[in-house]
C-alpha atoms as a PDB file:
ATOM      1  CA  MET A   1     -22.718 -31.007 -40.956  1.00  0.00           C
ATOM      2  CA  THR A   2     -25.767 -32.697 -39.456  1.00  0.00           C
ATOM      3  CA  THR A   3     -25.955 -33.563 -35.781  1.00  0.00           C
ATOM      4  CA  ILE A   4     -28.802 -35.492 -34.242  1.00  0.00           C
ATOM      5  CA  ILE A   5     -29.479 -34.481 -30.647  1.00  0.00           C
ATOM      6  CA  ALA A   6     -31.891 -35.588 -27.958  1.00  0.00           C
ATOM      7  CA  THR A   7     -34.503 -32.931 -27.248  1.00  0.00           C
ATOM      8  CA  GLN A   8     -37.265 -32.770 -24.715  1.00  0.00           C
ATOM      9  CA  VAL A   9     -40.757 -31.352 -25.160  1.00  0.00           C
ATOM     10  CA  THR A  10     -42.062 -29.661 -22.004  1.00  0.00           C
ATOM     11  CA  PRO A  11     -44.882 -27.247 -21.186  1.00  0.00           C
ATOM     12  CA  GLN A  12     -42.289 -24.448 -21.539  1.00  0.00           C
ATOM     13  CA  GLY A  13     -41.418 -25.538 -25.082  1.00  0.00           C
ATOM     14  CA  LEU A  14     -38.759 -27.558 -26.857  1.00  0.00           C
ATOM     15  CA  LEU A  15     -35.613 -27.941 -24.756  1.00  0.00           C
ATOM     16  CA  ILE A  16     -32.314 -28.315 -26.561  1.00  0.00           C
ATOM     17  CA  PRO A  17     -29.179 -29.065 -24.507  1.00  0.00           C
ATOM     18  CA  ARG A  18     -26.819 -26.084 -24.563  1.00  0.00           C
ATOM     19  CA  ALA A  19     -23.908 -28.410 -25.347  1.00  0.00           C
ATOM     20  CA  ALA A  20     -25.618 -29.311 -28.639  1.00  0.00           C
ATOM     21  CA  LEU A  21     -25.379 -25.681 -29.778  1.00  0.00           C
ATOM     22  CA  GLN A  22     -21.607 -25.729 -29.151  1.00  0.00           C
ATOM     23  CA  ASP A  23     -20.186 -22.190 -29.214  1.00  0.00           C
ATOM     24  CA  TRP A  24     -23.090 -20.543 -31.059  1.00  0.00           C
ATOM     25  CA  ASN A  25     -24.357 -17.321 -29.531  1.00  0.00           C
ATOM     26  CA  ILE A  26     -28.010 -17.854 -28.593  1.00  0.00           C
ATOM     27  CA  ASN A  27     -28.922 -14.331 -29.831  1.00  0.00           C
ATOM     28  CA  ASP A  28     -27.500 -15.129 -33.273  1.00  0.00           C
ATOM     29  CA  LEU A  29     -29.747 -18.129 -33.933  1.00  0.00           C
ATOM     30  CA  GLU A  30     -32.851 -18.351 -36.058  1.00  0.00           C
ATOM     31  CA  VAL A  31     -35.573 -20.985 -36.117  1.00  0.00           C
ATOM     32  CA  VAL A  32     -36.857 -22.152 -39.498  1.00  0.00           C
ATOM     33  CA  ARG A  33     -40.051 -24.207 -39.670  1.00  0.00           C
ATOM     34  CA  ARG A  34     -40.202 -26.793 -42.422  1.00  0.00           C
ATOM     35  CA  LYS A  35     -42.900 -29.361 -43.251  1.00  0.00           C
ATOM     36  CA  GLN A  36     -41.475 -32.197 -41.162  1.00  0.00           C
ATOM     37  CA  THR A  37     -38.726 -30.490 -39.141  1.00  0.00           C
ATOM     38  CA  ILE A  38     -37.716 -27.408 -37.213  1.00  0.00           C
ATOM     39  CA  LEU A  39     -34.256 -26.138 -38.059  1.00  0.00           C
ATOM     40  CA  VAL A  40     -32.159 -24.125 -35.588  1.00  0.00           C
ATOM     41  CA  ARG A  41     -29.247 -22.423 -37.323  1.00  0.00           C
ATOM     42  CA  PRO A  42     -27.059 -19.320 -37.108  1.00  0.00           C
ATOM     43  CA  LYS A  43     -28.689 -16.244 -38.597  1.00  0.00           C
ATOM     44  CA  ARG A  44     -27.626 -15.585 -42.133  1.00  0.00           C
ATOM     45  CA  GLU A  45     -25.344 -12.608 -42.540  1.00  0.00           C
ATOM     46  CA  ALA A  46     -26.628  -9.850 -44.794  1.00  0.00           C
ATOM     47  CA  THR A  47     -24.567  -9.927 -47.971  1.00  0.00           C
ATOM     48  CA  ASP A  48     -25.019  -6.223 -48.618  1.00  0.00           C
ATOM     49  CA  PRO A  49     -22.403  -4.280 -46.601  1.00  0.00           C
ATOM     50  CA  ARG A  50     -24.810  -1.366 -46.153  1.00  0.00           C
ATOM     51  CA  ALA A  51     -27.447  -3.695 -44.717  1.00  0.00           C
ATOM     52  CA  ARG A  52     -24.877  -5.106 -42.271  1.00  0.00           C
ATOM     53  CA  VAL A  53     -23.928  -1.593 -41.143  1.00  0.00           C
ATOM     54  CA  ARG A  54     -27.594  -0.609 -40.709  1.00  0.00           C
ATOM     55  CA  GLN A  55     -28.223  -3.809 -38.751  1.00  0.00           C
ATOM     56  CA  ALA A  56     -25.249  -3.124 -36.437  1.00  0.00           C
ATOM     57  CA  LEU A  57     -26.310   0.506 -35.893  1.00  0.00           C
ATOM     58  CA  ARG A  58     -29.911  -0.542 -35.215  1.00  0.00           C
ATOM     59  CA  ALA A  59     -28.750  -3.194 -32.712  1.00  0.00           C
ATOM     60  CA  ALA A  60     -26.622  -0.570 -30.901  1.00  0.00           C
ATOM     61  CA  GLY A  61     -29.540   1.869 -30.806  1.00  0.00           C
ATOM     62  CA  LEU A  62     -27.660   4.391 -32.946  1.00  0.00           C
ATOM     63  CA  LEU A  63     -29.899   4.317 -36.013  1.00  0.00           C
ATOM     64  CA  TYR A  64     -32.752   6.800 -36.001  1.00  0.00           C
ATOM     65  CA  GLU A  65     -35.808   5.606 -37.878  1.00  0.00           C
ATOM     66  CA  PRO A  66     -37.930   8.677 -38.742  1.00  0.00           C
ATOM     67  CA  SER A  67     -41.671   8.279 -38.354  1.00  0.00           C
ATOM     68  CA  TRP A  68     -42.489  10.346 -41.443  1.00  0.00           C
ATOM     69  CA  LYS A  69     -42.631   9.172 -45.031  1.00  0.00           C
ATOM     70  CA  THR A  70     -39.754  10.002 -47.336  1.00  0.00           C
ATOM     71  CA  PRO A  71     -40.561  12.802 -49.793  1.00  0.00           C
ATOM     72  CA  PRO A  72     -41.367  11.790 -53.360  1.00  0.00           C
ATOM     73  CA  ASP A  73     -38.615  11.785 -55.964  1.00  0.00           C
ATOM     74  CA  VAL A  74     -38.174  14.947 -58.010  1.00  0.00           C
ATOM     75  CA  SER A  75     -38.113  14.586 -61.777  1.00  0.00           C
ATOM     76  CA  ALA A  76     -34.940  15.401 -63.722  1.00  0.00           C
ATOM     77  CA  GLU A  77     -36.675  18.344 -65.416  1.00  0.00           C
ATOM     78  CA  GLU A  78     -37.752  19.853 -62.112  1.00  0.00           C
ATOM     79  CA  ARG A  79     -34.254  19.356 -60.650  1.00  0.00           C
ATOM     80  CA  ALA A  80     -32.736  21.141 -63.677  1.00  0.00           C
ATOM     81  CA  HIS A  81     -35.229  23.988 -63.292  1.00  0.00           C
ATOM     82  CA  LEU A  82     -34.421  24.388 -59.585  1.00  0.00           C
ATOM     83  CA  ALA A  83     -30.669  24.179 -60.244  1.00  0.00           C
ATOM     84  CA  GLY A  84     -30.947  26.987 -62.800  1.00  0.00           C
ATOM     85  CA  LYS A  85     -32.992  29.073 -60.396  1.00  0.00           C
ATOM     86  CA  LEU A  86     -30.544  28.582 -57.514  1.00  0.00           C
ATOM     87  CA  ALA A  87     -27.454  29.086 -59.688  1.00  0.00           C
ATOM     88  CA  GLN A  88     -28.257  32.718 -60.493  1.00  0.00           C
ATOM     89  CA  GLY A  89     -25.843  35.229 -59.062  1.00  0.00           C
ATOM     90  CA  GLN A  90     -22.316  34.859 -57.764  1.00  0.00           C
ATOM     91  CA  PRO A  91     -20.866  31.458 -56.773  1.00  0.00           C
ATOM     92  CA  LEU A  92     -20.957  30.814 -53.026  1.00  0.00           C
ATOM     93  CA  SER A  93     -17.177  30.397 -52.867  1.00  0.00           C
ATOM     94  CA  GLU A  94     -16.676  33.923 -54.221  1.00  0.00           C
ATOM     95  CA  ILE A  95     -19.181  35.335 -51.732  1.00  0.00           C
ATOM     96  CA  ILE A  96     -17.302  33.664 -48.853  1.00  0.00           C
ATOM     97  CA  ILE A  97     -13.911  34.923 -50.086  1.00  0.00           C
ATOM     98  CA  ALA A  98     -15.244  38.485 -50.437  1.00  0.00           C
ATOM     99  CA  GLU A  99     -16.739  38.308 -46.942  1.00  0.00           C
ATOM    100  CA  ARG A 100     -13.451  37.117 -45.446  1.00  0.00           C
ATOM    101  CA  GLU A 101     -11.472  39.918 -47.131  1.00  0.00           C
ATOM    102  CA  ASP A 102     -13.439  42.429 -45.049  1.00  0.00           C
ATOM    103  CA  ARG A 103     -12.208  40.769 -41.830  1.00  0.00           C
ATOM    104  CA  ALA A 104      -8.505  40.900 -42.669  1.00  0.00           C
END
């Protein structure tokens, strides 16, 4: 749908009548500059559900963005070596059960 509207250029910028934007939320608009035109449209929704959740959490101030770099990936061989090293001894579930038997 294309609608041609009367705009006004002022020292403050380009004025677009609010009625021309109909029921669009002003905060959900984006401006796209093209060669011959400027396009005002609703922001595109992120197609990835995880990206939408992150965007909503970030907007609500609930997403913590750490200032440090993420650690480098560990190779499969190193992971296997560490798993073998940590797997020595009794399983954790058995240790917990034995510890709880002392309390009863």
